[in-house]
PDB file of N, CA and C in Angstrom:
ATOM      1  N   MET A   1     -67.800 127.660  36.396  1.00  0.00           N
ATOM      2  CA  MET A   1     -66.500 127.382  35.820  1.00  0.00           C
ATOM      3  C   MET A   1     -66.485 127.779  34.343  1.00  0.00           C
ATOM      4  N   PRO A   2     -65.421 128.434  33.857  1.00  0.00           N
ATOM      5  CA  PRO A   2     -65.413 128.870  32.458  1.00  0.00           C
ATOM      6  C   PRO A   2     -65.247 127.698  31.491  1.00  0.00           C
ATOM      7  N   LYS A   3     -65.582 127.972  30.257  1.00  0.00           N
ATOM      8  CA  LYS A   3     -65.404 126.963  29.211  1.00  0.00           C
ATOM      9  C   LYS A   3     -63.915 126.692  29.023  1.00  0.00           C
ATOM     10  N   LEU A   4     -63.592 125.444  28.662  1.00  0.00           N
ATOM     11  CA  LEU A   4     -62.197 125.081  28.391  1.00  0.00           C
ATOM     12  C   LEU A   4     -61.902 125.340  26.928  1.00  0.00           C
ATOM     13  N   LYS A   5     -60.773 125.961  26.670  1.00  0.00           N
ATOM     14  CA  LYS A   5     -60.393 126.223  25.282  1.00  0.00           C
ATOM     15  C   LYS A   5     -59.601 125.049  24.734  1.00  0.00           C
ATOM     16  N   THR A   6     -59.866 124.720  23.477  1.00  0.00           N
ATOM     17  CA  THR A   6     -59.124 123.687  22.773  1.00  0.00           C
ATOM     18  C   THR A   6     -57.806 124.278  22.302  1.00  0.00           C
ATOM     19  N   LYS A   7     -56.723 123.523  22.418  1.00  0.00           N
ATOM     20  CA  LYS A   7     -55.437 123.936  21.858  1.00  0.00           C
ATOM     21  C   LYS A   7     -55.543 123.751  20.348  1.00  0.00           C
ATOM     22  N   LYS A   8     -55.507 124.872  19.608  1.00  0.00           N
ATOM     23  CA  LYS A   8     -55.787 124.823  18.175  1.00  0.00           C
ATOM     24  C   LYS A   8     -54.761 124.008  17.401  1.00  0.00           C
ATOM     25  N   GLY A   9     -53.506 124.042  17.850  1.00  0.00           N
ATOM     26  CA  GLY A   9     -52.473 123.240  17.196  1.00  0.00           C
ATOM     27  C   GLY A   9     -52.771 121.759  17.313  1.00  0.00           C
ATOM     28  N   ALA A  10     -53.273 121.356  18.469  1.00  0.00           N
ATOM     29  CA  ALA A  10     -53.609 119.949  18.708  1.00  0.00           C
ATOM     30  C   ALA A  10     -54.828 119.535  17.889  1.00  0.00           C
ATOM     31  N   SER A  11     -55.812 120.435  17.769  1.00  0.00           N
ATOM     32  CA  SER A  11     -57.021 120.092  17.019  1.00  0.00           C
ATOM     33  C   SER A  11     -56.728 119.882  15.539  1.00  0.00           C
ATOM     34  N   LYS A  12     -55.669 120.525  15.042  1.00  0.00           N
ATOM     35  CA  LYS A  12     -55.284 120.350  13.642  1.00  0.00           C
ATOM     36  C   LYS A  12     -54.475 119.071  13.431  1.00  0.00           C
ATOM     37  N   ARG A  13     -53.840 118.574  14.478  1.00  0.00           N
ATOM     38  CA  ARG A  13     -52.962 117.410  14.350  1.00  0.00           C
ATOM     39  C   ARG A  13     -53.622 116.085  14.703  1.00  0.00           C
ATOM     40  N   PHE A  14     -54.635 116.129  15.568  1.00  0.00           N
ATOM     41  CA  PHE A  14     -55.251 114.894  16.058  1.00  0.00           C
ATOM     42  C   PHE A  14     -56.726 114.843  15.712  1.00  0.00           C
ATOM     43  N   LYS A  15     -57.211 113.619  15.437  1.00  0.00           N
ATOM     44  CA  LYS A  15     -58.634 113.380  15.227  1.00  0.00           C
ATOM     45  C   LYS A  15     -59.046 112.232  16.136  1.00  0.00           C
ATOM     46  N   VAL A  16     -60.213 112.370  16.762  1.00  0.00           N
ATOM     47  CA  VAL A  16     -60.710 111.330  17.649  1.00  0.00           C
ATOM     48  C   VAL A  16     -61.647 110.433  16.862  1.00  0.00           C
ATOM     49  N   THR A  17     -61.414 109.117  16.938  1.00  0.00           N
ATOM     50  CA  THR A  17     -62.248 108.150  16.219  1.00  0.00           C
ATOM     51  C   THR A  17     -63.510 107.860  17.028  1.00  0.00           C
ATOM     52  N   LYS A  18     -64.399 107.099  16.428  1.00  0.00           N
ATOM     53  CA  LYS A  18     -65.662 106.724  17.051  1.00  0.00           C
ATOM     54  C   LYS A  18     -65.440 105.954  18.352  1.00  0.00           C
ATOM     55  N   ASN A  19     -64.413 105.120  18.368  1.00  0.00           N
ATOM     56  CA  ASN A  19     -64.126 104.290  19.541  1.00  0.00           C
ATOM     57  C   ASN A  19     -63.317 105.015  20.612  1.00  0.00           C
ATOM     58  N   GLY A  20     -62.988 106.288  20.372  1.00  0.00           N
ATOM     59  CA  GLY A  20     -62.260 107.057  21.371  1.00  0.00           C
ATOM     60  C   GLY A  20     -60.754 107.028  21.216  1.00  0.00           C
ATOM     61  N   LYS A  21     -60.276 106.345  20.169  1.00  0.00           N
ATOM     62  CA  LYS A  21     -58.834 106.361  19.905  1.00  0.00           C
ATOM     63  C   LYS A  21     -58.477 107.694  19.263  1.00  0.00           C
ATOM     64  N   ILE A  22     -57.219 108.095  19.408  1.00  0.00           N
ATOM     65  CA  ILE A  22     -56.777 109.366  18.833  1.00  0.00           C
ATOM     66  C   ILE A  22     -55.817 109.071  17.692  1.00  0.00           C
ATOM     67  N   LYS A  23     -56.191 109.542  16.500  1.00  0.00           N
ATOM     68  CA  LYS A  23     -55.413 109.286  15.302  1.00  0.00           C
ATOM     69  C   LYS A  23     -54.440 110.423  15.065  1.00  0.00           C
ATOM     70  N   ARG A  24     -53.244 110.093  14.578  1.00  0.00           N
ATOM     71  CA  ARG A  24     -52.235 111.109  14.290  1.00  0.00           C
ATOM     72  C   ARG A  24     -51.450 110.710  13.061  1.00  0.00           C
ATOM     73  N   LYS A  25     -50.751 111.678  12.478  1.00  0.00           N
ATOM     74  CA  LYS A  25     -49.872 111.386  11.347  1.00  0.00           C
ATOM     75  C   LYS A  25     -48.495 111.038  11.863  1.00  0.00           C
ATOM     76  N   LYS A  26     -47.746 110.300  11.064  1.00  0.00           N
ATOM     77  CA  LYS A  26     -46.391 109.923  11.458  1.00  0.00           C
ATOM     78  C   LYS A  26     -45.408 111.046  11.136  1.00  0.00           C
ATOM     79  N   ALA A  27     -44.319 111.054  11.866  1.00  0.00           N
ATOM     80  CA  ALA A  27     -43.279 112.062  11.669  1.00  0.00           C
ATOM     81  C   ALA A  27     -42.344 111.636  10.532  1.00  0.00           C
ATOM     82  N   TYR A  28     -41.407 112.492  10.170  1.00  0.00           N
ATOM     83  CA  TYR A  28     -40.355 112.247   9.171  1.00  0.00           C
ATOM     84  C   TYR A  28     -40.886 112.143   7.744  1.00  0.00           C
ATOM     85  N   ARG A  29     -41.953 112.850   7.431  1.00  0.00           N
ATOM     86  CA  ARG A  29     -42.516 112.834   6.084  1.00  0.00           C
ATOM     87  C   ARG A  29     -42.483 114.229   5.461  1.00  0.00           C
ATOM     88  N   GLY A  30     -41.910 115.201   6.160  1.00  0.00           N
ATOM     89  CA  GLY A  30     -41.966 116.583   5.718  1.00  0.00           C
ATOM     90  C   GLY A  30     -41.023 116.950   4.602  1.00  0.00           C
ATOM     91  N   HIS A  31     -39.763 116.561   4.721  1.00  0.00           N
ATOM     92  CA  HIS A  31     -38.760 116.950   3.726  1.00  0.00           C
ATOM     93  C   HIS A  31     -37.606 115.952   3.764  1.00  0.00           C
ATOM     94  N   ILE A  32     -36.613 116.168   2.895  1.00  0.00           N
ATOM     95  CA  ILE A  32     -35.469 115.250   2.693  1.00  0.00           C
ATOM     96  C   ILE A  32     -35.983 113.833   2.414  1.00  0.00           C
ATOM     97  N   LEU A  33     -36.824 113.738   1.390  1.00  0.00           N
ATOM     98  CA  LEU A  33     -37.452 112.452   1.072  1.00  0.00           C
ATOM     99  C   LEU A  33     -36.645 111.643   0.059  1.00  0.00           C
ATOM    100  N   THR A  34     -35.641 112.251  -0.565  1.00  0.00           N
ATOM    101  CA  THR A  34     -34.888 111.549  -1.609  1.00  0.00           C
ATOM    102  C   THR A  34     -34.065 110.400  -1.043  1.00  0.00           C
ATOM    103  N   LYS A  35     -33.558 110.565   0.163  1.00  0.00           N
ATOM    104  CA  LYS A  35     -32.721 109.506   0.746  1.00  0.00           C
ATOM    105  C   LYS A  35     -33.523 108.416   1.455  1.00  0.00           C
ATOM    106  N   LYS A  36     -34.819 108.626   1.592  1.00  0.00           N
ATOM    107  CA  LYS A  36     -35.661 107.615   2.230  1.00  0.00           C
ATOM    108  C   LYS A  36     -36.201 106.673   1.175  1.00  0.00           C
ATOM    109  N   SER A  37     -36.268 105.388   1.519  1.00  0.00           N
ATOM    110  CA  SER A  37     -36.737 104.387   0.561  1.00  0.00           C
ATOM    111  C   SER A  37     -38.238 104.528   0.331  1.00  0.00           C
ATOM    112  N   SER A  38     -38.690 104.005  -0.806  1.00  0.00           N
ATOM    113  CA  SER A  38     -40.112 104.069  -1.154  1.00  0.00           C
ATOM    114  C   SER A  38     -40.945 103.354  -0.104  1.00  0.00           C
ATOM    115  N   LYS A  39     -40.434 102.233   0.376  1.00  0.00           N
ATOM    116  CA  LYS A  39     -41.149 101.449   1.393  1.00  0.00           C
ATOM    117  C   LYS A  39     -41.330 102.262   2.669  1.00  0.00           C
ATOM    118  N   ARG A  40     -40.272 102.954   3.071  1.00  0.00           N
ATOM    119  CA  ARG A  40     -40.310 103.766   4.288  1.00  0.00           C
ATOM    120  C   ARG A  40     -41.311 104.911   4.140  1.00  0.00           C
ATOM    121  N   LYS A  41     -41.280 105.591   2.973  1.00  0.00           N
ATOM    122  CA  LYS A  41     -42.191 106.707   2.734  1.00  0.00           C
ATOM    123  C   LYS A  41     -43.641 106.235   2.674  1.00  0.00           C
ATOM    124  N   ARG A  42     -43.850 105.079   2.074  1.00  0.00           N
ATOM    125  CA  ARG A  42     -45.188 104.501   1.970  1.00  0.00           C
ATOM    126  C   ARG A  42     -45.750 104.184   3.360  1.00  0.00           C
ATOM    127  N   ASN A  43     -44.907 103.636   4.230  1.00  0.00           N
ATOM    128  CA  ASN A  43     -45.343 103.316   5.589  1.00  0.00           C
ATOM    129  C   ASN A  43     -45.598 104.566   6.424  1.00  0.00           C
ATOM    130  N   LEU A  44     -44.907 105.650   6.103  1.00  0.00           N
ATOM    131  CA  LEU A  44     -45.119 106.902   6.826  1.00  0.00           C
ATOM    132  C   LEU A  44     -46.443 107.563   6.449  1.00  0.00           C
ATOM    133  N   ARG A  45     -47.006 107.168   5.299  1.00  0.00           N
ATOM    134  CA  ARG A  45     -48.276 107.727   4.860  1.00  0.00           C
ATOM    135  C   ARG A  45     -49.437 107.288   5.746  1.00  0.00           C
ATOM    136  N   LYS A  46     -49.336 106.071   6.260  1.00  0.00           N
ATOM    137  CA  LYS A  46     -50.442 105.495   7.024  1.00  0.00           C
ATOM    138  C   LYS A  46     -50.581 106.186   8.379  1.00  0.00           C
ATOM    139  N   PRO A  47     -51.818 106.468   8.806  1.00  0.00           N
ATOM    140  CA  PRO A  47     -51.993 107.092  10.118  1.00  0.00           C
ATOM    141  C   PRO A  47     -51.711 106.097  11.247  1.00  0.00           C
ATOM    142  N   GLU A  48     -51.459 106.630  12.421  1.00  0.00           N
ATOM    143  CA  GLU A  48     -51.157 105.804  13.575  1.00  0.00           C
ATOM    144  C   GLU A  48     -51.991 106.330  14.737  1.00  0.00           C
ATOM    145  N   TYR A  49     -52.090 105.541  15.787  1.00  0.00           N
ATOM    146  CA  TYR A  49     -52.828 105.962  16.963  1.00  0.00           C
ATOM    147  C   TYR A  49     -51.863 106.431  18.042  1.00  0.00           C
ATOM    148  N   VAL A  50     -52.305 107.389  18.832  1.00  0.00           N
ATOM    149  CA  VAL A  50     -51.504 107.918  19.931  1.00  0.00           C
ATOM    150  C   VAL A  50     -51.337 106.813  20.963  1.00  0.00           C
ATOM    151  N   SER A  51     -50.126 106.675  21.501  1.00  0.00           N
ATOM    152  CA  SER A  51     -49.854 105.623  22.474  1.00  0.00           C
ATOM    153  C   SER A  51     -50.615 105.893  23.771  1.00  0.00           C
ATOM    154  N   SER A  52     -50.783 104.838  24.553  1.00  0.00           N
ATOM    155  CA  SER A  52     -51.561 104.946  25.787  1.00  0.00           C
ATOM    156  C   SER A  52     -50.914 105.908  26.774  1.00  0.00           C
ATOM    157  N   SER A  53     -49.583 105.991  26.753  1.00  0.00           N
ATOM    158  CA  SER A  53     -48.882 106.884  27.672  1.00  0.00           C
ATOM    159  C   SER A  53     -49.085 108.358  27.321  1.00  0.00           C
ATOM    160  N   GLU A  54     -49.342 108.661  26.043  1.00  0.00           N
ATOM    161  CA  GLU A  54     -49.529 110.043  25.598  1.00  0.00           C
ATOM    162  C   GLU A  54     -51.001 110.447  25.526  1.00  0.00           C
ATOM    163  N   LYS A  55     -51.892 109.472  25.645  1.00  0.00           N
ATOM    164  CA  LYS A  55     -53.317 109.723  25.447  1.00  0.00           C
ATOM    165  C   LYS A  55     -53.865 110.762  26.428  1.00  0.00           C
ATOM    166  N   LYS A  56     -53.448 110.690  27.680  1.00  0.00           N
ATOM    167  CA  LYS A  56     -53.927 111.616  28.705  1.00  0.00           C
ATOM    168  C   LYS A  56     -53.541 113.057  28.359  1.00  0.00           C
ATOM    169  N   THR A  57     -52.312 113.235  27.891  1.00  0.00           N
ATOM    170  CA  THR A  57     -51.813 114.564  27.524  1.00  0.00           C
ATOM    171  C   THR A  57     -52.618 115.150  26.369  1.00  0.00           C
ATOM    172  N   VAL A  58     -52.853 114.329  25.347  1.00  0.00           N
ATOM    173  CA  VAL A  58     -53.584 114.804  24.164  1.00  0.00           C
ATOM    174  C   VAL A  58     -55.037 115.095  24.525  1.00  0.00           C
ATOM    175  N   ASN A  59     -55.632 114.253  25.367  1.00  0.00           N
ATOM    176  CA  ASN A  59     -57.021 114.488  25.787  1.00  0.00           C
ATOM    177  C   ASN A  59     -57.164 115.806  26.542  1.00  0.00           C
ATOM    178  N   ARG A  60     -56.130 116.192  27.263  1.00  0.00           N
ATOM    179  CA  ARG A  60     -56.159 117.457  27.991  1.00  0.00           C
ATOM    180  C   ARG A  60     -56.142 118.644  27.019  1.00  0.00           C
ATOM    181  N   MET A  61     -55.460 118.454  25.888  1.00  0.00           N
ATOM    182  CA  MET A  61     -55.416 119.514  24.884  1.00  0.00           C
ATOM    183  C   MET A  61     -56.693 119.594  24.070  1.00  0.00           C
ATOM    184  N   LEU A  62     -57.443 118.492  24.013  1.00  0.00           N
ATOM    185  CA  LEU A  62     -58.716 118.436  23.282  1.00  0.00           C
ATOM    186  C   LEU A  62     -59.838 118.171  24.283  1.00  0.00           C
ATOM    187  N   PRO A  63     -60.276 119.156  25.039  1.00  0.00           N
ATOM    188  CA  PRO A  63     -61.219 118.901  26.119  1.00  0.00           C
ATOM    189  C   PRO A  63     -62.585 118.407  25.666  1.00  0.00           C
ATOM    190  N   TYR A  64     -62.956 118.634  24.411  1.00  0.00           N
ATOM    191  CA  TYR A  64     -64.287 118.224  23.956  1.00  0.00           C
ATOM    192  C   TYR A  64     -64.223 117.009  23.052  1.00  0.00           C
ATOM    193  N   SER A  65     -63.247 116.133  23.287  1.00  0.00           N
ATOM    194  CA  SER A  65     -63.126 114.925  22.457  1.00  0.00           C
ATOM    195  C   SER A  65     -63.879 113.777  23.073  1.00  0.00           C
TER     196      SER A  65
END
């Protein structure tokens, strides 16, 4: 069986932690930041974990995680 290729876009967006959780950045932080409150922008800075329903999909894109 051939080697599985990693989806390069996914490898740049997700990191797998020691415990097997998948870390990701939050959305809505790219642009149009003037109308967003400081509190909202501050909370968007913090990383989040991929939900259990999406975990299978992301794991398929990162075969060596």
